[in-house]
Amino acid sequence: MATIAQAAAHIFCSRSQFDQYIAEGAITRQSSGKYDLDEVRRETFAHLRSVAAGRGGAAGDRLTAERVALTAAKRRREERQDAIEAGQVAQVEPIVHFLQGTHPTSAVLSDAWYFAKRVTLNLALRSSGDAGRGFGRVGAAAALVAG
C-alpha cells in the first residue's frame, strides 16, 4: 500500500496530475496510504489507452467535436454538389469571372448581376414547373421587377 505521493511517483506524474486523474474518475479514490500500486498502474494505463483512442479525457471530447464538425462539413459539401448537379443551384462566381475576362468594362458587374437574376428566375421557374415559358422581354422584365 502507498500514499498519494508514492502512487503519483509510481506512474511518473505530479501530485496535481494524480488528483486530476482521481477527479476524472480514472483512478479510484482510496483512503490515505491505501493505494495499491498495481491497481493504480492498471487504471492509469486504461485511462491513457482510452484517451489515445479518442474516447476519453478533455482531448477526446475535442477530438469527437472535431470529427462531428468535419462530418457535417463533408455532408454539406456533398449536398451542395448534389444540388448543383441536379440543376437546383447555379454557381455565379465562374460566370462573373468569365464575363470580367471577356468584357473589361465597368458595366460587367451590372451585366453579371442581370445574368445572375435571369439564372435565378430560370431555376425558380424550373422548380415550379414553368420552365418552358422562357425569358422573352416580358419574362426578363418580370425578373428585374421581382428581383
N, C-alpha and C. Protein backbone atom coordinates (compact mmCIF):
# COMPACT_ATOMS: atom_id res chain seq x y z
N MET A 1 0.83 -1.18 0.00
CA MET A 1 0.00 0.00 0.00
C MET A 1 0.89 1.25 0.00
N ALA A 2 0.35 2.32 -0.63
CA ALA A 2 1.16 3.52 -0.81
C ALA A 2 0.33 4.77 -0.58
N THR A 3 1.04 5.86 -0.33
CA THR A 3 0.38 7.16 -0.18
C THR A 3 0.12 7.74 -1.57
N ILE A 4 -0.59 8.85 -1.60
CA ILE A 4 -0.87 9.51 -2.88
C ILE A 4 0.43 9.94 -3.55
N ALA A 5 1.34 10.49 -2.78
CA ALA A 5 2.62 10.95 -3.35
C ALA A 5 3.39 9.78 -3.94
N GLN A 6 3.41 8.64 -3.24
CA GLN A 6 4.12 7.46 -3.75
C GLN A 6 3.44 6.91 -5.00
N ALA A 7 2.09 6.90 -5.00
CA ALA A 7 1.36 6.41 -6.18
C ALA A 7 1.60 7.31 -7.38
N ALA A 8 1.63 8.62 -7.16
CA ALA A 8 1.90 9.56 -8.25
C ALA A 8 3.30 9.34 -8.81
N ALA A 9 4.28 9.16 -7.92
CA ALA A 9 5.65 8.91 -8.37
C ALA A 9 5.73 7.58 -9.11
N HIS A 10 4.94 6.60 -8.71
CA HIS A 10 4.95 5.29 -9.34
C HIS A 10 4.51 5.36 -10.81
N ILE A 11 3.57 6.26 -11.12
CA ILE A 11 3.10 6.39 -12.51
C ILE A 11 3.72 7.61 -13.20
N PHE A 12 4.76 8.15 -12.59
CA PHE A 12 5.55 9.24 -13.18
C PHE A 12 4.71 10.48 -13.49
N CYS A 13 3.91 10.89 -12.52
CA CYS A 13 3.15 12.13 -12.70
C CYS A 13 3.24 12.95 -11.41
N SER A 14 2.82 14.19 -11.50
CA SER A 14 2.83 15.06 -10.33
C SER A 14 1.64 14.75 -9.43
N ARG A 15 1.69 15.29 -8.26
CA ARG A 15 0.58 15.11 -7.32
C ARG A 15 -0.69 15.75 -7.86
N SER A 16 -0.55 16.93 -8.49
CA SER A 16 -1.74 17.60 -9.04
C SER A 16 -2.33 16.80 -10.21
N GLN A 17 -1.48 16.20 -11.05
CA GLN A 17 -1.98 15.36 -12.14
C GLN A 17 -2.68 14.12 -11.58
N PHE A 18 -2.14 13.56 -10.52
CA PHE A 18 -2.76 12.40 -9.88
C PHE A 18 -4.13 12.79 -9.33
N ASP A 19 -4.21 13.96 -8.70
CA ASP A 19 -5.50 14.45 -8.20
C ASP A 19 -6.50 14.65 -9.35
N GLN A 20 -6.00 15.10 -10.49
CA GLN A 20 -6.88 15.28 -11.66
C GLN A 20 -7.38 13.91 -12.15
N TYR A 21 -6.53 12.91 -12.17
CA TYR A 21 -6.97 11.57 -12.54
C TYR A 21 -8.07 11.08 -11.60
N ILE A 22 -7.91 11.35 -10.30
CA ILE A 22 -8.93 10.96 -9.32
C ILE A 22 -10.23 11.71 -9.60
N ALA A 23 -10.14 13.03 -9.86
CA ALA A 23 -11.33 13.85 -10.12
C ALA A 23 -12.06 13.37 -11.38
N GLU A 24 -11.32 12.95 -12.41
CA GLU A 24 -11.93 12.45 -13.65
C GLU A 24 -12.50 11.06 -13.49
N GLY A 25 -12.13 10.37 -12.40
CA GLY A 25 -12.61 9.01 -12.20
C GLY A 25 -11.71 7.97 -12.84
N ALA A 26 -10.56 8.40 -13.34
CA ALA A 26 -9.64 7.46 -13.97
C ALA A 26 -8.99 6.56 -12.92
N ILE A 27 -8.75 7.10 -11.72
CA ILE A 27 -8.18 6.33 -10.62
C ILE A 27 -9.19 6.36 -9.48
N THR A 28 -9.43 5.21 -8.88
CA THR A 28 -10.37 5.11 -7.78
C THR A 28 -9.77 5.71 -6.52
N ARG A 29 -10.54 6.62 -5.89
CA ARG A 29 -10.07 7.26 -4.66
C ARG A 29 -10.02 6.23 -3.53
N GLN A 30 -8.91 6.27 -2.80
CA GLN A 30 -8.72 5.40 -1.65
C GLN A 30 -8.42 6.28 -0.42
N SER A 31 -8.50 5.70 0.75
CA SER A 31 -8.12 6.45 1.94
C SER A 31 -6.60 6.62 1.94
N SER A 32 -6.13 7.58 2.70
CA SER A 32 -4.71 7.92 2.70
C SER A 32 -3.85 6.71 3.06
N GLY A 33 -2.85 6.48 2.25
CA GLY A 33 -1.92 5.38 2.49
C GLY A 33 -2.43 4.02 2.07
N LYS A 34 -3.53 3.95 1.35
CA LYS A 34 -4.14 2.67 0.99
C LYS A 34 -4.15 2.40 -0.52
N TYR A 35 -3.35 3.11 -1.28
CA TYR A 35 -3.34 2.93 -2.74
C TYR A 35 -2.52 1.70 -3.10
N ASP A 36 -3.12 0.79 -3.85
CA ASP A 36 -2.43 -0.39 -4.38
C ASP A 36 -1.75 0.04 -5.67
N LEU A 37 -0.44 -0.04 -5.71
CA LEU A 37 0.32 0.47 -6.87
C LEU A 37 -0.02 -0.28 -8.15
N ASP A 38 -0.26 -1.58 -8.08
CA ASP A 38 -0.62 -2.34 -9.27
C ASP A 38 -1.97 -1.86 -9.82
N GLU A 39 -2.93 -1.63 -8.93
CA GLU A 39 -4.26 -1.15 -9.35
C GLU A 39 -4.17 0.26 -9.93
N VAL A 40 -3.38 1.12 -9.31
CA VAL A 40 -3.19 2.48 -9.81
C VAL A 40 -2.61 2.44 -11.22
N ARG A 41 -1.60 1.59 -11.41
CA ARG A 41 -0.96 1.46 -12.73
C ARG A 41 -1.96 0.95 -13.77
N ARG A 42 -2.76 -0.07 -13.43
CA ARG A 42 -3.76 -0.61 -14.37
C ARG A 42 -4.79 0.46 -14.75
N GLU A 43 -5.30 1.17 -13.75
CA GLU A 43 -6.31 2.20 -14.02
C GLU A 43 -5.74 3.35 -14.86
N THR A 44 -4.50 3.72 -14.57
CA THR A 44 -3.86 4.80 -15.33
C THR A 44 -3.65 4.39 -16.79
N PHE A 45 -3.13 3.19 -17.00
CA PHE A 45 -2.92 2.73 -18.38
C PHE A 45 -4.23 2.59 -19.14
N ALA A 46 -5.27 2.11 -18.48
CA ALA A 46 -6.59 2.01 -19.13
C ALA A 46 -7.09 3.39 -19.54
N HIS A 47 -6.90 4.36 -18.63
CA HIS A 47 -7.32 5.74 -18.95
C HIS A 47 -6.51 6.30 -20.12
N LEU A 48 -5.21 6.10 -20.09
CA LEU A 48 -4.36 6.64 -21.17
C LEU A 48 -4.67 5.96 -22.51
N ARG A 49 -4.96 4.66 -22.51
CA ARG A 49 -5.36 3.99 -23.75
C ARG A 49 -6.65 4.58 -24.29
N SER A 50 -7.58 4.86 -23.39
CA SER A 50 -8.87 5.45 -23.79
C SER A 50 -8.67 6.83 -24.40
N VAL A 51 -7.83 7.64 -23.78
CA VAL A 51 -7.56 8.98 -24.31
C VAL A 51 -6.86 8.89 -25.66
N ALA A 52 -5.90 7.98 -25.78
CA ALA A 52 -5.17 7.84 -27.04
C ALA A 52 -6.09 7.38 -28.17
N ALA A 53 -7.11 6.60 -27.84
CA ALA A 53 -8.05 6.13 -28.86
C ALA A 53 -9.13 7.16 -29.16
N GLY A 54 -9.09 8.30 -28.46
CA GLY A 54 -10.06 9.35 -28.72
C GLY A 54 -11.38 9.14 -28.01
N ARG A 55 -11.39 8.33 -26.95
CA ARG A 55 -12.64 8.05 -26.25
C ARG A 55 -12.71 8.65 -24.86
N GLY A 56 -11.68 9.31 -24.41
CA GLY A 56 -11.73 9.79 -23.04
C GLY A 56 -10.95 11.07 -22.83
N GLY A 57 -11.19 11.70 -21.71
CA GLY A 57 -10.48 12.91 -21.35
C GLY A 57 -10.96 14.11 -22.14
N ALA A 58 -10.44 15.27 -21.78
CA ALA A 58 -10.80 16.51 -22.47
C ALA A 58 -10.35 16.48 -23.92
N ALA A 59 -9.20 15.86 -24.18
CA ALA A 59 -8.71 15.77 -25.56
C ALA A 59 -9.64 14.92 -26.41
N GLY A 60 -10.20 13.87 -25.80
CA GLY A 60 -11.14 13.01 -26.53
C GLY A 60 -12.41 13.75 -26.89
N ASP A 61 -12.88 14.62 -25.98
CA ASP A 61 -14.08 15.41 -26.26
C ASP A 61 -13.83 16.37 -27.42
N ARG A 62 -12.66 17.01 -27.42
CA ARG A 62 -12.33 17.93 -28.51
C ARG A 62 -12.20 17.17 -29.83
N LEU A 63 -11.59 15.99 -29.77
CA LEU A 63 -11.43 15.19 -30.98
C LEU A 63 -12.79 14.76 -31.52
N THR A 64 -13.68 14.37 -30.64
CA THR A 64 -15.03 13.99 -31.06
C THR A 64 -15.75 15.18 -31.69
N ALA A 65 -15.63 16.36 -31.08
CA ALA A 65 -16.27 17.56 -31.64
C ALA A 65 -15.70 17.88 -33.01
N GLU A 66 -14.39 17.74 -33.18
CA GLU A 66 -13.76 17.98 -34.48
C GLU A 66 -14.27 16.99 -35.52
N ARG A 67 -14.40 15.74 -35.13
CA ARG A 67 -14.89 14.72 -36.06
C ARG A 67 -16.33 15.00 -36.48
N VAL A 68 -17.15 15.43 -35.53
CA VAL A 68 -18.54 15.76 -35.83
C VAL A 68 -18.61 16.95 -36.79
N ALA A 69 -17.80 17.98 -36.51
CA ALA A 69 -17.79 19.17 -37.38
C ALA A 69 -17.30 18.81 -38.79
N LEU A 70 -16.28 17.98 -38.89
CA LEU A 70 -15.77 17.57 -40.19
C LEU A 70 -16.81 16.76 -40.96
N THR A 71 -17.50 15.87 -40.29
CA THR A 71 -18.54 15.08 -40.93
C THR A 71 -19.67 15.97 -41.43
N ALA A 72 -20.06 16.95 -40.62
CA ALA A 72 -21.13 17.89 -41.02
C ALA A 72 -20.69 18.71 -42.23
N ALA A 73 -19.44 19.18 -42.24
CA ALA A 73 -18.95 19.96 -43.37
C ALA A 73 -18.92 19.13 -44.64
N LYS A 74 -18.49 17.88 -44.53
CA LYS A 74 -18.47 17.00 -45.71
C LYS A 74 -19.90 16.75 -46.22
N ARG A 75 -20.84 16.56 -45.29
CA ARG A 75 -22.22 16.34 -45.69
C ARG A 75 -22.79 17.56 -46.41
N ARG A 76 -22.51 18.77 -45.88
CA ARG A 76 -22.99 19.99 -46.54
C ARG A 76 -22.38 20.14 -47.94
N ARG A 77 -21.08 19.83 -48.06
CA ARG A 77 -20.42 19.93 -49.36
C ARG A 77 -21.05 18.96 -50.36
N GLU A 78 -21.31 17.73 -49.91
CA GLU A 78 -21.93 16.75 -50.80
C GLU A 78 -23.35 17.15 -51.18
N GLU A 79 -24.12 17.69 -50.22
CA GLU A 79 -25.48 18.13 -50.54
C GLU A 79 -25.45 19.28 -51.54
N ARG A 80 -24.49 20.21 -51.36
CA ARG A 80 -24.36 21.33 -52.29
C ARG A 80 -23.98 20.83 -53.68
N GLN A 81 -23.06 19.87 -53.76
CA GLN A 81 -22.64 19.32 -55.05
C GLN A 81 -23.80 18.59 -55.72
N ASP A 82 -24.59 17.85 -54.93
CA ASP A 82 -25.76 17.17 -55.48
C ASP A 82 -26.76 18.17 -56.03
N ALA A 83 -26.96 19.29 -55.32
CA ALA A 83 -27.89 20.33 -55.78
C ALA A 83 -27.39 20.96 -57.08
N ILE A 84 -26.09 21.17 -57.19
CA ILE A 84 -25.52 21.74 -58.42
C ILE A 84 -25.72 20.77 -59.58
N GLU A 85 -25.41 19.50 -59.36
CA GLU A 85 -25.55 18.50 -60.42
C GLU A 85 -27.00 18.30 -60.83
N ALA A 86 -27.94 18.50 -59.89
CA ALA A 86 -29.36 18.35 -60.21
C ALA A 86 -29.93 19.60 -60.87
N GLY A 87 -29.12 20.65 -61.00
CA GLY A 87 -29.58 21.87 -61.64
C GLY A 87 -30.42 22.75 -60.73
N GLN A 88 -30.36 22.51 -59.43
CA GLN A 88 -31.13 23.30 -58.48
C GLN A 88 -30.39 24.56 -58.07
N VAL A 89 -29.08 24.60 -58.27
CA VAL A 89 -28.25 25.73 -57.85
C VAL A 89 -27.29 26.05 -58.99
N ALA A 90 -27.07 27.33 -59.20
CA ALA A 90 -26.09 27.75 -60.20
C ALA A 90 -24.95 28.47 -59.50
N GLN A 91 -23.73 28.18 -59.89
CA GLN A 91 -22.57 28.88 -59.35
C GLN A 91 -22.37 30.15 -60.16
N VAL A 92 -22.48 31.29 -59.51
CA VAL A 92 -22.40 32.57 -60.19
C VAL A 92 -20.95 33.03 -60.36
N GLU A 93 -20.07 32.66 -59.44
CA GLU A 93 -18.69 33.13 -59.48
C GLU A 93 -17.97 32.81 -60.79
N PRO A 94 -18.06 31.58 -61.32
CA PRO A 94 -17.38 31.32 -62.60
C PRO A 94 -17.94 32.17 -63.75
N ILE A 95 -19.23 32.44 -63.70
CA ILE A 95 -19.85 33.26 -64.74
C ILE A 95 -19.33 34.69 -64.66
N VAL A 96 -19.29 35.25 -63.45
CA VAL A 96 -18.77 36.60 -63.26
C VAL A 96 -17.32 36.68 -63.70
N HIS A 97 -16.53 35.66 -63.32
CA HIS A 97 -15.12 35.64 -63.71
C HIS A 97 -14.97 35.61 -65.24
N PHE A 98 -15.79 34.81 -65.90
CA PHE A 98 -15.75 34.74 -67.36
C PHE A 98 -16.11 36.09 -67.98
N LEU A 99 -17.17 36.69 -67.47
CA LEU A 99 -17.60 37.98 -68.03
C LEU A 99 -16.57 39.06 -67.78
N GLN A 100 -15.91 39.05 -66.65
CA GLN A 100 -14.88 40.04 -66.38
C GLN A 100 -13.69 39.86 -67.32
N GLY A 101 -13.41 38.62 -67.67
CA GLY A 101 -12.29 38.35 -68.56
C GLY A 101 -12.61 38.72 -70.00
N THR A 102 -13.86 38.68 -70.43
CA THR A 102 -14.20 38.96 -71.82
C THR A 102 -14.69 40.39 -72.04
N HIS A 103 -15.20 41.05 -71.02
CA HIS A 103 -15.70 42.41 -71.14
C HIS A 103 -15.07 43.29 -70.07
N PRO A 104 -13.86 43.77 -70.28
CA PRO A 104 -13.20 44.57 -69.25
C PRO A 104 -13.75 46.00 -69.19
N THR A 105 -15.02 46.14 -68.92
CA THR A 105 -15.61 47.47 -68.79
C THR A 105 -16.28 47.59 -67.44
N SER A 106 -16.71 48.77 -67.10
CA SER A 106 -17.36 48.98 -65.80
C SER A 106 -18.77 48.40 -65.78
N ALA A 107 -19.33 48.08 -66.94
CA ALA A 107 -20.69 47.54 -67.00
C ALA A 107 -20.72 46.04 -66.76
N VAL A 108 -19.57 45.40 -66.62
CA VAL A 108 -19.53 43.95 -66.47
C VAL A 108 -20.27 43.51 -65.22
N LEU A 109 -20.06 44.19 -64.12
CA LEU A 109 -20.71 43.80 -62.89
C LEU A 109 -22.22 43.90 -63.02
N SER A 110 -22.68 44.96 -63.64
CA SER A 110 -24.11 45.11 -63.86
C SER A 110 -24.64 43.98 -64.74
N ASP A 111 -23.91 43.67 -65.80
CA ASP A 111 -24.30 42.57 -66.68
C ASP A 111 -24.31 41.24 -65.93
N ALA A 112 -23.33 41.04 -65.08
CA ALA A 112 -23.25 39.78 -64.33
C ALA A 112 -24.43 39.65 -63.39
N TRP A 113 -24.81 40.72 -62.71
CA TRP A 113 -25.95 40.65 -61.80
C TRP A 113 -27.24 40.43 -62.57
N TYR A 114 -27.36 41.06 -63.73
CA TYR A 114 -28.53 40.86 -64.56
C TYR A 114 -28.62 39.40 -64.99
N PHE A 115 -27.47 38.84 -65.41
CA PHE A 115 -27.43 37.45 -65.82
C PHE A 115 -27.76 36.53 -64.63
N ALA A 116 -27.22 36.85 -63.45
CA ALA A 116 -27.50 36.04 -62.26
C ALA A 116 -28.99 36.04 -61.93
N LYS A 117 -29.64 37.20 -62.09
CA LYS A 117 -31.08 37.27 -61.84
C LYS A 117 -31.83 36.39 -62.84
N ARG A 118 -31.38 36.42 -64.07
CA ARG A 118 -32.03 35.58 -65.08
C ARG A 118 -31.87 34.10 -64.76
N VAL A 119 -30.67 33.71 -64.34
CA VAL A 119 -30.42 32.32 -63.99
C VAL A 119 -31.27 31.93 -62.79
N THR A 120 -31.36 32.80 -61.81
CA THR A 120 -32.17 32.52 -60.62
C THR A 120 -33.63 32.35 -60.99
N LEU A 121 -34.14 33.24 -61.85
CA LEU A 121 -35.53 33.12 -62.27
C LEU A 121 -35.74 31.82 -63.03
N ASN A 122 -34.80 31.46 -63.88
CA ASN A 122 -34.91 30.22 -64.64
C ASN A 122 -34.97 29.02 -63.70
N LEU A 123 -34.13 29.03 -62.69
CA LEU A 123 -34.15 27.92 -61.73
C LEU A 123 -35.44 27.91 -60.94
N ALA A 124 -35.94 29.08 -60.58
CA ALA A 124 -37.21 29.13 -59.85
C ALA A 124 -38.34 28.62 -60.72
N LEU A 125 -38.35 29.01 -62.00
CA LEU A 125 -39.40 28.54 -62.90
C LEU A 125 -39.28 27.03 -63.10
N ARG A 126 -38.03 26.53 -63.18
CA ARG A 126 -37.82 25.09 -63.37
C ARG A 126 -38.37 24.32 -62.18
N SER A 127 -38.14 24.83 -60.97
CA SER A 127 -38.63 24.10 -59.80
C SER A 127 -40.14 24.20 -59.67
N SER A 128 -40.75 25.27 -60.23
CA SER A 128 -42.21 25.38 -60.14
C SER A 128 -42.90 24.74 -61.33
N GLY A 129 -42.14 24.27 -62.31
CA GLY A 129 -42.73 23.58 -63.45
C GLY A 129 -43.04 24.50 -64.63
N ASP A 130 -42.65 25.77 -64.56
CA ASP A 130 -42.92 26.73 -65.64
C ASP A 130 -41.69 27.02 -66.48
N ALA A 131 -40.77 26.06 -66.57
CA ALA A 131 -39.51 26.32 -67.26
C ALA A 131 -39.70 26.57 -68.75
N GLY A 132 -40.78 26.10 -69.33
CA GLY A 132 -40.96 26.25 -70.77
C GLY A 132 -41.31 27.66 -71.21
N ARG A 133 -41.59 28.56 -70.29
CA ARG A 133 -42.02 29.91 -70.66
C ARG A 133 -40.91 30.75 -71.25
N GLY A 134 -39.68 30.46 -70.91
CA GLY A 134 -38.56 31.21 -71.48
C GLY A 134 -38.41 32.57 -70.84
N PHE A 135 -37.55 33.38 -71.47
CA PHE A 135 -37.21 34.66 -70.87
C PHE A 135 -37.53 35.84 -71.75
N GLY A 136 -38.35 35.76 -72.70
CA GLY A 136 -38.59 36.90 -73.56
C GLY A 136 -38.50 38.22 -72.84
N ARG A 137 -38.85 39.31 -73.49
CA ARG A 137 -38.76 40.63 -72.86
C ARG A 137 -39.65 40.72 -71.64
N VAL A 138 -40.83 40.13 -71.70
CA VAL A 138 -41.76 40.20 -70.57
C VAL A 138 -41.20 39.41 -69.39
N GLY A 139 -40.66 38.22 -69.66
CA GLY A 139 -40.09 37.40 -68.58
C GLY A 139 -38.91 38.07 -67.94
N ALA A 140 -38.01 38.66 -68.73
CA ALA A 140 -36.84 39.35 -68.17
C ALA A 140 -37.26 40.57 -67.38
N ALA A 141 -38.25 41.32 -67.89
CA ALA A 141 -38.72 42.49 -67.15
C ALA A 141 -39.36 42.07 -65.84
N ALA A 142 -40.11 40.97 -65.87
CA ALA A 142 -40.72 40.49 -64.61
C ALA A 142 -39.64 40.07 -63.63
N ALA A 143 -38.56 39.48 -64.13
CA ALA A 143 -37.45 39.06 -63.26
C ALA A 143 -36.80 40.28 -62.61
N LEU A 144 -36.62 41.34 -63.39
CA LEU A 144 -35.98 42.53 -62.84
C LEU A 144 -36.89 43.24 -61.84
N VAL A 145 -38.18 43.28 -62.13
CA VAL A 145 -39.11 43.93 -61.20
C VAL A 145 -39.22 43.12 -59.93
N ALA A 146 -39.30 41.80 -60.05
CA ALA A 146 -39.43 40.94 -58.88
C ALA A 146 -38.14 40.88 -58.09
N GLY A 147 -37.00 41.02 -58.79
CA GLY A 147 -35.69 40.81 -58.19
C GLY A 147 -35.26 41.83 -57.26
